[in-house]
Amino acid sequence: MFKNLKIALSLSFLVSLASCQKSNQSDDLVVDDEVFETEEFLDHHNALNSLDYFGIYKGVLPCADCEGIQTTVELGSGNSYTKKVIYLGKDDQEVFESAGTFTWNDAGNTITLNEEEEPNQYFVGENVLFHLDLEGNKIEGDLAEKYQLNKE
């Protein structure tokens, strides 16, 4: 009888000790996507203040009279940029280089390369710049995915 009591007390002690220890399991965090779509969240989180947008972006944009426009845009500090363009498939493979400053739109998600001719706007995503049309809209259709410059 004493032996059974001793075992019972030992088991209850171990159970109470185990319940006092911090659990190593992490609870799954459930986040409602609608939170990210609220005006308050959108006003505070944008490409300008949430992304590491500095760096070099490269891609080949579609071209009406050549094989493609090899484009490199480097975004630097002080809102500076350098842009290099090569028209592929042309006899003259000249590199056209320009530089200047860029500005952000009020929403903080689109930049305008100030010293460039239109279209000169890019929507800034995570590790990608989406080249926008003349009105500043994202290009849609079959070639939409070709209008992006990927970060190196």
C-alpha atoms as a PDB file:
ATOM      1  CA  MET A   1       0.000   0.000   0.000  1.00  0.00           C
ATOM      2  CA  PHE A   2       2.810   2.384   0.935  1.00  0.00           C
ATOM      3  CA  LYS A   3       4.532   1.517  -2.349  1.00  0.00           C
ATOM      4  CA  ASN A   4       1.396   2.399  -4.375  1.00  0.00           C
ATOM      5  CA  LEU A   5       1.052   5.716  -2.510  1.00  0.00           C
ATOM      6  CA  LYS A   6       4.686   6.532  -3.191  1.00  0.00           C
ATOM      7  CA  ILE A   7       4.226   5.817  -6.936  1.00  0.00           C
ATOM      8  CA  ALA A   8       1.028   7.877  -7.046  1.00  0.00           C
ATOM      9  CA  LEU A   9       2.701  10.850  -5.345  1.00  0.00           C
ATOM     10  CA  SER A  10       5.698  10.613  -7.677  1.00  0.00           C
ATOM     11  CA  LEU A  11       3.459  10.553 -10.742  1.00  0.00           C
ATOM     12  CA  SER A  12       1.408  13.519  -9.530  1.00  0.00           C
ATOM     13  CA  PHE A  13       4.610  15.444  -8.800  1.00  0.00           C
ATOM     14  CA  LEU A  14       5.916  14.760 -12.332  1.00  0.00           C
ATOM     15  CA  VAL A  15       2.606  15.768 -13.914  1.00  0.00           C
ATOM     16  CA  SER A  16       2.492  19.036 -11.969  1.00  0.00           C
ATOM     17  CA  LEU A  17       6.144  19.731 -12.808  1.00  0.00           C
ATOM     18  CA  ALA A  18       5.542  19.129 -16.503  1.00  0.00           C
ATOM     19  CA  SER A  19       2.537  21.453 -16.524  1.00  0.00           C
ATOM     20  CA  CYS A  20       4.632  24.278 -15.035  1.00  0.00           C
ATOM     21  CA  GLN A  21       7.318  24.104 -17.713  1.00  0.00           C
ATOM     22  CA  LYS A  22       7.101  26.412 -20.700  1.00  0.00           C
ATOM     23  CA  SER A  23       5.915  24.631 -23.782  1.00  0.00           C
ATOM     24  CA  ASN A  24       8.417  24.368 -26.619  1.00  0.00           C
ATOM     25  CA  GLN A  25       5.622  24.142 -29.145  1.00  0.00           C
ATOM     26  CA  SER A  26       4.724  27.371 -30.856  1.00  0.00           C
ATOM     27  CA  ASP A  27       1.124  28.207 -31.483  1.00  0.00           C
ATOM     28  CA  ASP A  28       0.223  28.749 -35.125  1.00  0.00           C
ATOM     29  CA  LEU A  29      -0.413  32.400 -35.818  1.00  0.00           C
ATOM     30  CA  VAL A  30      -3.525  32.873 -37.877  1.00  0.00           C
ATOM     31  CA  VAL A  31      -3.659  36.158 -39.755  1.00  0.00           C
ATOM     32  CA  ASP A  32      -6.672  37.314 -41.667  1.00  0.00           C
ATOM     33  CA  ASP A  33      -5.623  38.573 -45.111  1.00  0.00           C
ATOM     34  CA  GLU A  34      -8.267  41.285 -44.912  1.00  0.00           C
ATOM     35  CA  VAL A  35      -6.118  43.046 -42.302  1.00  0.00           C
ATOM     36  CA  PHE A  36      -3.552  43.779 -45.014  1.00  0.00           C
ATOM     37  CA  GLU A  37      -6.200  45.282 -47.273  1.00  0.00           C
ATOM     38  CA  THR A  38      -7.437  47.873 -44.810  1.00  0.00           C
ATOM     39  CA  GLU A  39      -6.763  51.502 -45.572  1.00  0.00           C
ATOM     40  CA  GLU A  40      -4.844  51.923 -42.307  1.00  0.00           C
ATOM     41  CA  PHE A  41      -2.419  49.111 -43.182  1.00  0.00           C
ATOM     42  CA  LEU A  42      -2.026  50.264 -46.779  1.00  0.00           C
ATOM     43  CA  ASP A  43      -1.273  53.814 -45.656  1.00  0.00           C
ATOM     44  CA  HIS A  44       1.631  52.592 -43.539  1.00  0.00           C
ATOM     45  CA  HIS A  45       3.134  49.709 -45.522  1.00  0.00           C
ATOM     46  CA  ASN A  46       4.331  50.316 -49.050  1.00  0.00           C
ATOM     47  CA  ALA A  47       7.358  49.677 -51.228  1.00  0.00           C
ATOM     48  CA  LEU A  48       9.027  52.889 -50.109  1.00  0.00           C
ATOM     49  CA  ASN A  49       9.081  51.993 -46.413  1.00  0.00           C
ATOM     50  CA  SER A  50       8.820  48.201 -46.453  1.00  0.00           C
ATOM     51  CA  LEU A  51      11.064  46.894 -49.234  1.00  0.00           C
ATOM     52  CA  ASP A  52      14.802  46.847 -49.822  1.00  0.00           C
ATOM     53  CA  TYR A  53      14.473  48.412 -53.258  1.00  0.00           C
ATOM     54  CA  PHE A  54      18.076  49.614 -53.663  1.00  0.00           C
ATOM     55  CA  GLY A  55      20.029  47.560 -56.180  1.00  0.00           C
ATOM     56  CA  ILE A  56      20.365  46.508 -59.808  1.00  0.00           C
ATOM     57  CA  TYR A  57      17.377  45.330 -61.847  1.00  0.00           C
ATOM     58  CA  LYS A  58      17.754  43.661 -65.261  1.00  0.00           C
ATOM     59  CA  GLY A  59      15.507  42.333 -67.974  1.00  0.00           C
ATOM     60  CA  VAL A  60      14.708  42.342 -71.664  1.00  0.00           C
ATOM     61  CA  LEU A  61      11.665  44.442 -72.469  1.00  0.00           C
ATOM     62  CA  PRO A  62       9.629  43.886 -75.662  1.00  0.00           C
ATOM     63  CA  CYS A  63      10.569  45.960 -78.704  1.00  0.00           C
ATOM     64  CA  ALA A  64       8.490  46.735 -81.810  1.00  0.00           C
ATOM     65  CA  ASP A  65      11.410  46.821 -84.259  1.00  0.00           C
ATOM     66  CA  CYS A  66      14.149  44.766 -82.590  1.00  0.00           C
ATOM     67  CA  GLU A  67      14.642  41.496 -80.695  1.00  0.00           C
ATOM     68  CA  GLY A  68      14.232  43.194 -77.328  1.00  0.00           C
ATOM     69  CA  ILE A  69      15.475  46.043 -75.186  1.00  0.00           C
ATOM     70  CA  GLN A  70      18.073  44.837 -72.685  1.00  0.00           C
ATOM     71  CA  THR A  71      17.467  47.165 -69.765  1.00  0.00           C
ATOM     72  CA  THR A  72      19.389  47.669 -66.537  1.00  0.00           C
ATOM     73  CA  VAL A  73      18.196  50.078 -63.851  1.00  0.00           C
ATOM     74  CA  GLU A  74      20.231  50.662 -60.717  1.00  0.00           C
ATOM     75  CA  LEU A  75      18.481  52.402 -57.834  1.00  0.00           C
ATOM     76  CA  GLY A  76      20.856  54.063 -55.409  1.00  0.00           C
ATOM     77  CA  SER A  77      20.865  56.247 -52.353  1.00  0.00           C
ATOM     78  CA  GLY A  78      19.566  59.786 -52.514  1.00  0.00           C
ATOM     79  CA  ASN A  79      16.900  58.623 -54.983  1.00  0.00           C
ATOM     80  CA  SER A  80      19.525  58.326 -57.709  1.00  0.00           C
ATOM     81  CA  TYR A  81      19.340  55.968 -60.648  1.00  0.00           C
ATOM     82  CA  THR A  82      21.443  54.813 -63.574  1.00  0.00           C
ATOM     83  CA  LYS A  83      19.807  53.260 -66.606  1.00  0.00           C
ATOM     84  CA  LYS A  84      21.510  51.313 -69.410  1.00  0.00           C
ATOM     85  CA  VAL A  85      19.703  50.209 -72.560  1.00  0.00           C
ATOM     86  CA  ILE A  86      20.838  48.054 -75.500  1.00  0.00           C
ATOM     87  CA  TYR A  87      18.575  47.413 -78.501  1.00  0.00           C
ATOM     88  CA  LEU A  88      19.159  43.740 -79.278  1.00  0.00           C
ATOM     89  CA  GLY A  89      19.325  42.554 -82.863  1.00  0.00           C
ATOM     90  CA  LYS A  90      20.362  45.927 -84.245  1.00  0.00           C
ATOM     91  CA  ASP A  91      23.559  46.305 -86.236  1.00  0.00           C
ATOM     92  CA  ASP A  92      24.784  48.900 -83.769  1.00  0.00           C
ATOM     93  CA  GLN A  93      24.860  47.421 -80.254  1.00  0.00           C
ATOM     94  CA  GLU A  94      25.390  50.830 -78.685  1.00  0.00           C
ATOM     95  CA  VAL A  95      24.785  51.148 -74.948  1.00  0.00           C
ATOM     96  CA  PHE A  96      22.561  54.095 -74.111  1.00  0.00           C
ATOM     97  CA  GLU A  97      23.258  55.232 -70.579  1.00  0.00           C
ATOM     98  CA  SER A  98      21.451  57.855 -68.538  1.00  0.00           C
ATOM     99  CA  ALA A  99      21.337  58.878 -64.908  1.00  0.00           C
ATOM    100  CA  GLY A 100      19.365  61.139 -62.640  1.00  0.00           C
ATOM    101  CA  THR A 101      16.932  61.029 -59.778  1.00  0.00           C
ATOM    102  CA  PHE A 102      13.651  59.246 -59.219  1.00  0.00           C
ATOM    103  CA  THR A 103      10.594  60.267 -57.238  1.00  0.00           C
ATOM    104  CA  TRP A 104       7.922  58.196 -55.497  1.00  0.00           C
ATOM    105  CA  ASN A 105       4.199  58.571 -56.044  1.00  0.00           C
ATOM    106  CA  ASP A 106       1.974  59.454 -53.073  1.00  0.00           C
ATOM    107  CA  ALA A 107       1.101  55.795 -52.458  1.00  0.00           C
ATOM    108  CA  GLY A 108       4.815  54.921 -52.152  1.00  0.00           C
ATOM    109  CA  ASN A 109       4.651  52.058 -54.646  1.00  0.00           C
ATOM    110  CA  THR A 110       5.703  53.582 -57.977  1.00  0.00           C
ATOM    111  CA  ILE A 111       8.831  55.464 -59.010  1.00  0.00           C
ATOM    112  CA  THR A 112       9.303  57.898 -61.874  1.00  0.00           C
ATOM    113  CA  LEU A 113      12.728  58.254 -63.471  1.00  0.00           C
ATOM    114  CA  ASN A 114      12.720  62.045 -63.763  1.00  0.00           C
ATOM    115  CA  GLU A 115      15.252  62.473 -66.572  1.00  0.00           C
ATOM    116  CA  GLU A 116      13.730  59.809 -68.864  1.00  0.00           C
ATOM    117  CA  GLU A 117      11.188  60.165 -71.637  1.00  0.00           C
ATOM    118  CA  GLU A 118       7.822  58.498 -71.071  1.00  0.00           C
ATOM    119  CA  PRO A 119       7.121  55.721 -70.310  1.00  0.00           C
ATOM    120  CA  ASN A 120       9.370  56.287 -67.313  1.00  0.00           C
ATOM    121  CA  GLN A 121       7.454  54.764 -64.416  1.00  0.00           C
ATOM    122  CA  TYR A 122       8.007  51.486 -62.573  1.00  0.00           C
ATOM    123  CA  PHE A 123       5.839  49.780 -59.982  1.00  0.00           C
ATOM    124  CA  VAL A 124       8.184  48.557 -57.228  1.00  0.00           C
ATOM    125  CA  GLY A 125       7.610  45.011 -56.005  1.00  0.00           C
ATOM    126  CA  GLU A 126       9.732  42.700 -53.917  1.00  0.00           C
ATOM    127  CA  ASN A 127      12.908  42.180 -56.000  1.00  0.00           C
ATOM    128  CA  VAL A 128      11.201  43.363 -59.186  1.00  0.00           C
ATOM    129  CA  LEU A 129      10.374  46.545 -61.091  1.00  0.00           C
ATOM    130  CA  PHE A 130       7.290  46.405 -63.318  1.00  0.00           C
ATOM    131  CA  HIS A 131       7.598  48.724 -66.307  1.00  0.00           C
ATOM    132  CA  LEU A 132       4.352  50.710 -66.599  1.00  0.00           C
ATOM    133  CA  ASP A 133       2.562  52.063 -69.675  1.00  0.00           C
ATOM    134  CA  LEU A 134       2.279  55.737 -70.685  1.00  0.00           C
ATOM    135  CA  GLU A 135      -0.594  56.328 -68.243  1.00  0.00           C
ATOM    136  CA  GLY A 136       1.272  54.669 -65.356  1.00  0.00           C
ATOM    137  CA  ASN A 137      -0.776  51.458 -65.451  1.00  0.00           C
ATOM    138  CA  LYS A 138       0.550  47.935 -65.147  1.00  0.00           C
ATOM    139  CA  ILE A 139       0.792  46.307 -68.566  1.00  0.00           C
ATOM    140  CA  GLU A 140      -1.640  43.441 -69.049  1.00  0.00           C
ATOM    141  CA  GLY A 141      -2.096  40.742 -71.643  1.00  0.00           C
ATOM    142  CA  ASP A 142       0.072  38.029 -73.154  1.00  0.00           C
ATOM    143  CA  LEU A 143       3.300  40.025 -72.841  1.00  0.00           C
ATOM    144  CA  ALA A 144       2.676  41.357 -69.307  1.00  0.00           C
ATOM    145  CA  GLU A 145       5.335  39.178 -67.670  1.00  0.00           C
ATOM    146  CA  LYS A 146       7.935  40.467 -70.136  1.00  0.00           C
ATOM    147  CA  TYR A 147       7.610  44.005 -68.761  1.00  0.00           C
ATOM    148  CA  GLN A 148       9.548  43.371 -65.590  1.00  0.00           C
ATOM    149  CA  LEU A 149      13.100  43.871 -64.440  1.00  0.00           C
ATOM    150  CA  ASN A 150      14.332  41.414 -61.820  1.00  0.00           C
ATOM    151  CA  LYS A 151      16.709  42.345 -59.041  1.00  0.00           C
ATOM    152  CA  GLU A 152      20.142  40.730 -59.135  1.00  0.00           C
END
